[in-house]
Amino acid sequence: MNRKLSVCVGRIAYLLTVLVVNDSTAAEPAALPKATIDGTGPDWRSLTGDDFTKVNCNDDTWTWTGGAVKCTGKPVGVIRTKKPLTNFELVAQWKHLKPGGNSGIFVWATDESLKGLKPDTLPRGGIEVQVLDHGYAEQYEQQHGKKGDWFTTNGDVFPVGTSKMKPFAPTSPGGERSFPRKNLSKGVGEWNHYYVRCINGEVHLWVNGEEVSGGTNCEPRSGYLCLESEGAPVEFKDLRIRELP
């Protein structure tokens, strides 16, 4: 091969390399949408104890101070909003007080899913936006001798009981849960920020400013908003909501 041809071949090879690199870069997923929504602005309002009613918890399970509430975690159960909701946006901050703490926010829980619930049981329907401490995964592994691949501790969203939802990818191995696309939850004793958008049968969850999980085709798509007590102390604050048409 003469020198001129060799140089030409070398340039072609270089250009092909550049094209492959650029194409690979273009194929990378776009950055996840960020949201710094704090629940202020037109039509937003605070949620307080006056907005909720007991379902199957004790009178002292939940203690309200303005827009903040402390939960003992016992018994397992929920409180619900006094009126059902359809389309809305929710902002909430939460923190667990013990490692491995478990809680959640239920949306679109119906009368039927809550009727007659006894203490230490959870709604038979609704979409759960999970509130789970990282220590839960370690405790699960110690208790069962294996890692729990069916859940994460960074904001799973999933249907409960008779409710239905098509989860956004990535999903749990069985396909029931929407797993977070990014791990953003903070650990025990630290405040986490959730922004939840529930519109026309779709649920989207932002954790600490970035969208991570959710689902579509939810049925039913109207019902109560519930806060969950599930065995461990947890606190919520700055609960704010904006109802939409």
Protein backbone atom coordinates (compact mmCIF):
# COMPACT_ATOMS: atom_id res chain seq x y z
CA MET A 1 0.00 0.00 0.00
CA ASN A 2 1.47 3.36 -0.98
CA ARG A 3 1.80 6.20 1.53
CA LYS A 4 -1.03 8.34 0.09
CA LEU A 5 -3.49 5.44 0.20
CA SER A 6 -2.41 4.55 3.72
CA VAL A 7 -3.09 8.12 4.94
CA CYS A 8 -6.50 8.06 3.25
CA VAL A 9 -7.44 4.77 4.92
CA GLY A 10 -6.29 6.13 8.28
CA ARG A 11 -8.49 9.21 7.94
CA ILE A 12 -11.51 7.10 7.01
CA ALA A 13 -10.96 4.90 10.07
CA TYR A 14 -10.72 7.99 12.30
CA LEU A 15 -13.96 9.43 10.90
CA LEU A 16 -15.76 6.15 11.47
CA THR A 17 -14.57 6.13 15.08
CA VAL A 18 -15.85 9.67 15.63
CA LEU A 19 -19.22 8.77 14.13
CA VAL A 20 -19.57 5.73 16.38
CA VAL A 21 -18.70 7.77 19.50
CA ASN A 22 -21.12 10.54 18.57
CA ASP A 23 -23.87 8.04 17.83
CA SER A 24 -23.26 6.33 21.17
CA THR A 25 -23.49 9.66 22.94
CA ALA A 26 -26.72 10.50 21.15
CA ALA A 27 -28.19 7.17 22.22
CA GLU A 28 -27.71 7.90 25.93
CA PRO A 29 -31.00 8.47 27.78
CA ALA A 30 -32.02 12.05 28.36
CA ALA A 31 -31.62 13.47 31.84
CA LEU A 32 -34.56 12.74 34.11
CA PRO A 33 -37.00 15.65 34.48
CA LYS A 34 -36.36 17.71 37.61
CA ALA A 35 -38.98 19.41 39.75
CA THR A 36 -38.34 21.96 42.46
CA ILE A 37 -42.05 22.25 43.24
CA ASP A 38 -42.62 23.25 46.86
CA GLY A 39 -46.38 23.51 46.78
CA THR A 40 -46.63 27.27 46.69
CA GLY A 41 -48.49 29.29 44.11
CA PRO A 42 -52.06 29.56 42.82
CA ASP A 43 -54.54 26.92 44.07
CA TRP A 44 -52.04 25.14 46.34
CA ARG A 45 -53.12 24.65 49.95
CA SER A 46 -51.80 22.95 53.07
CA LEU A 47 -53.11 19.61 54.31
CA THR A 48 -53.61 19.41 58.07
CA GLY A 49 -55.28 17.07 60.51
CA ASP A 50 -58.61 18.70 59.66
CA ASP A 51 -58.37 17.22 56.15
CA PHE A 52 -58.01 13.61 57.38
CA THR A 53 -60.12 11.09 59.23
CA LYS A 54 -59.23 7.83 60.97
CA VAL A 55 -59.79 4.55 59.16
CA ASN A 56 -58.27 1.80 61.33
CA CYS A 57 -55.56 3.40 63.45
CA ASN A 58 -55.71 4.35 67.12
CA ASP A 59 -56.54 7.87 68.20
CA ASP A 60 -52.92 8.45 69.20
CA THR A 61 -51.28 6.83 66.14
CA TRP A 62 -51.11 10.18 64.34
CA THR A 63 -50.30 13.48 66.09
CA TRP A 64 -50.74 16.67 64.09
CA THR A 65 -49.04 20.02 64.61
CA GLY A 66 -50.18 22.34 61.84
CA GLY A 67 -48.98 20.86 58.56
CA ALA A 68 -46.73 18.29 60.25
CA VAL A 69 -47.71 14.88 61.58
CA LYS A 70 -45.93 12.21 63.61
CA CYS A 71 -46.91 8.57 63.33
CA THR A 72 -46.07 5.88 65.90
CA GLY A 73 -46.40 3.14 63.29
CA LYS A 74 -48.78 1.14 65.48
CA PRO A 75 -51.13 -0.35 64.68
CA VAL A 76 -50.64 -0.93 60.97
CA GLY A 77 -53.33 1.01 59.14
CA VAL A 78 -54.15 4.30 57.42
CA ILE A 79 -55.82 7.65 57.76
CA ARG A 80 -57.59 9.12 54.72
CA THR A 81 -58.69 12.45 53.38
CA LYS A 82 -62.26 13.33 54.24
CA LYS A 83 -63.15 13.70 50.58
CA PRO A 84 -62.08 11.70 47.50
CA LEU A 85 -59.74 13.18 44.92
CA THR A 86 -59.39 12.65 41.18
CA ASN A 87 -56.77 14.87 39.53
CA PHE A 88 -54.25 16.52 41.84
CA GLU A 89 -50.64 17.30 42.67
CA LEU A 90 -49.16 16.54 46.08
CA VAL A 91 -46.00 17.72 47.82
CA ALA A 92 -44.81 15.98 50.99
CA GLN A 93 -41.64 15.67 53.02
CA TRP A 94 -41.01 12.59 55.12
CA LYS A 95 -38.35 10.95 57.27
CA HIS A 96 -38.06 7.65 59.09
CA LEU A 97 -36.96 7.66 62.71
CA LYS A 98 -35.72 4.06 62.89
CA PRO A 99 -33.67 1.98 60.43
CA GLY A 100 -35.84 -0.18 58.20
CA GLY A 101 -38.92 1.99 58.63
CA ASN A 102 -41.85 1.36 56.29
CA SER A 103 -44.70 3.68 55.30
CA GLY A 104 -46.43 4.95 52.19
CA ILE A 105 -48.85 7.31 50.53
CA PHE A 106 -51.91 5.73 48.93
CA VAL A 107 -53.73 7.52 46.12
CA TRP A 108 -57.14 6.66 44.67
CA ALA A 109 -58.15 4.31 47.48
CA THR A 110 -61.90 3.75 47.17
CA ASP A 111 -64.62 3.40 49.79
CA GLU A 112 -64.79 -0.31 49.02
CA SER A 113 -61.04 -0.76 49.63
CA LEU A 114 -61.28 0.91 53.05
CA LYS A 115 -64.65 -0.24 54.30
CA GLY A 116 -64.53 -2.32 57.48
CA LEU A 117 -60.72 -2.41 57.72
CA LYS A 118 -59.60 -3.77 61.07
CA PRO A 119 -56.40 -2.61 62.80
CA ASP A 120 -53.19 -4.16 61.43
CA THR A 121 -54.55 -4.38 57.90
CA LEU A 122 -54.00 -2.17 54.87
CA PRO A 123 -56.31 -0.93 52.10
CA ARG A 124 -57.55 -3.51 49.63
CA GLY A 125 -57.03 -1.11 46.72
CA GLY A 126 -55.30 2.05 45.60
CA ILE A 127 -51.93 2.98 44.15
CA GLU A 128 -49.12 3.03 46.71
CA VAL A 129 -46.25 5.47 46.53
CA GLN A 130 -43.84 3.72 48.85
CA VAL A 131 -41.99 5.43 51.68
CA LEU A 132 -39.28 2.95 52.70
CA ASP A 133 -35.99 3.31 54.56
CA HIS A 134 -32.81 1.80 53.10
CA GLY A 135 -32.35 -0.33 56.22
CA TYR A 136 -35.39 -2.38 55.22
CA ALA A 137 -33.39 -4.10 52.48
CA GLU A 138 -30.68 -5.14 54.92
CA GLN A 139 -33.22 -6.41 57.44
CA TYR A 140 -35.03 -8.36 54.73
CA GLU A 141 -31.79 -10.05 53.67
CA GLN A 142 -30.94 -11.00 57.25
CA GLN A 143 -34.43 -12.36 57.88
CA HIS A 144 -34.86 -14.30 54.63
CA GLY A 145 -31.26 -15.17 53.77
CA LYS A 146 -31.51 -13.53 50.35
CA LYS A 147 -31.75 -10.13 48.78
CA GLY A 148 -35.19 -8.75 48.07
CA ASP A 149 -35.27 -8.24 44.32
CA TRP A 150 -39.01 -7.48 44.29
CA PHE A 151 -38.73 -4.04 45.92
CA THR A 152 -36.39 -1.04 46.22
CA THR A 153 -36.01 1.67 48.86
CA ASN A 154 -35.95 4.62 46.47
CA GLY A 155 -39.59 5.20 45.53
CA ASP A 156 -41.52 2.22 44.15
CA VAL A 157 -45.02 2.87 42.78
CA PHE A 158 -47.46 -0.04 42.48
CA PRO A 159 -51.13 -1.04 42.54
CA VAL A 160 -52.59 -2.65 45.65
CA GLY A 161 -55.28 -5.29 45.86
CA THR A 162 -57.99 -4.88 43.24
CA SER A 163 -56.52 -1.72 41.69
CA LYS A 164 -54.69 -1.82 38.37
CA MET A 165 -51.77 0.09 36.88
CA LYS A 166 -49.36 -0.30 33.99
CA PRO A 167 -46.00 0.52 35.61
CA PHE A 168 -43.35 2.65 33.95
CA ALA A 169 -40.04 0.89 33.28
CA PRO A 170 -37.93 -0.34 34.89
CA THR A 171 -40.18 -2.76 36.70
CA SER A 172 -39.87 -5.40 39.40
CA PRO A 173 -39.15 -8.96 38.20
CA GLY A 174 -42.86 -9.81 38.23
CA GLY A 175 -43.76 -6.59 36.44
CA GLU A 176 -46.11 -5.30 39.15
CA ARG A 177 -44.01 -2.41 40.45
CA SER A 178 -42.47 0.61 38.81
CA PHE A 179 -38.88 0.69 40.07
CA PRO A 180 -37.08 4.06 40.30
CA ARG A 181 -34.79 4.96 37.42
CA LYS A 182 -32.40 6.60 39.85
CA ASN A 183 -31.59 6.06 43.53
CA LEU A 184 -32.20 9.37 45.30
CA SER A 185 -33.79 8.64 48.69
CA LYS A 186 -31.97 9.74 51.82
CA GLY A 187 -31.49 7.53 54.86
CA VAL A 188 -33.01 7.30 58.32
CA GLY A 189 -33.35 10.63 60.13
CA GLU A 190 -33.09 12.70 56.94
CA TRP A 191 -35.92 14.54 55.21
CA ASN A 192 -36.98 13.39 51.75
CA HIS A 193 -39.08 15.41 49.32
CA TYR A 194 -41.83 13.78 47.25
CA TYR A 195 -43.78 15.45 44.47
CA VAL A 196 -46.62 13.22 43.26
CA ARG A 197 -48.70 14.06 40.19
CA CYS A 198 -51.95 12.13 39.66
CA ILE A 199 -53.80 13.10 36.49
CA ASN A 200 -56.17 11.15 34.24
CA GLY A 201 -55.16 7.76 35.56
CA GLU A 202 -51.41 8.42 35.57
CA VAL A 203 -49.17 8.64 38.62
CA HIS A 204 -45.72 10.24 38.46
CA LEU A 205 -43.28 10.41 41.38
CA TRP A 206 -40.39 12.81 41.84
CA VAL A 207 -37.92 12.00 44.64
CA ASN A 208 -35.79 14.86 45.92
CA GLY A 209 -36.26 16.82 42.72
CA GLU A 210 -36.09 14.18 39.97
CA GLU A 211 -38.79 12.04 38.38
CA VAL A 212 -38.10 8.37 39.04
CA SER A 213 -41.20 6.16 38.77
CA GLY A 214 -44.93 5.89 38.18
CA GLY A 215 -47.52 4.27 36.00
CA THR A 216 -50.45 4.74 33.65
CA ASN A 217 -53.85 3.15 32.93
CA CYS A 218 -54.72 3.22 36.63
CA GLU A 219 -58.12 1.90 37.66
CA PRO A 220 -59.85 3.23 39.58
CA ARG A 221 -58.53 6.74 39.08
CA SER A 222 -60.47 8.51 41.78
CA GLY A 223 -60.51 7.93 45.51
CA TYR A 224 -59.00 8.91 48.84
CA LEU A 225 -55.46 9.98 49.66
CA CYS A 226 -54.16 7.92 52.58
CA LEU A 227 -51.12 8.08 54.85
CA GLU A 228 -49.83 4.72 56.01
CA SER A 229 -48.77 3.49 59.42
CA GLU A 230 -46.73 0.31 59.04
CA GLY A 231 -44.93 -0.66 62.21
CA ALA A 232 -42.29 2.06 62.62
CA PRO A 233 -42.30 5.76 63.56
CA VAL A 234 -42.34 8.18 60.65
CA GLU A 235 -42.91 11.91 60.24
CA PHE A 236 -44.47 13.92 57.42
CA LYS A 237 -44.40 17.68 57.00
CA ASP A 238 -45.19 20.41 54.49
CA LEU A 239 -48.06 18.40 53.02
CA ARG A 240 -49.57 20.53 50.27
CA ILE A 241 -52.04 19.75 47.52
CA ARG A 242 -53.42 21.34 44.38
CA GLU A 243 -56.63 19.88 43.00
CA LEU A 244 -57.01 19.95 39.22
CA PRO A 245 -59.99 19.69 36.84
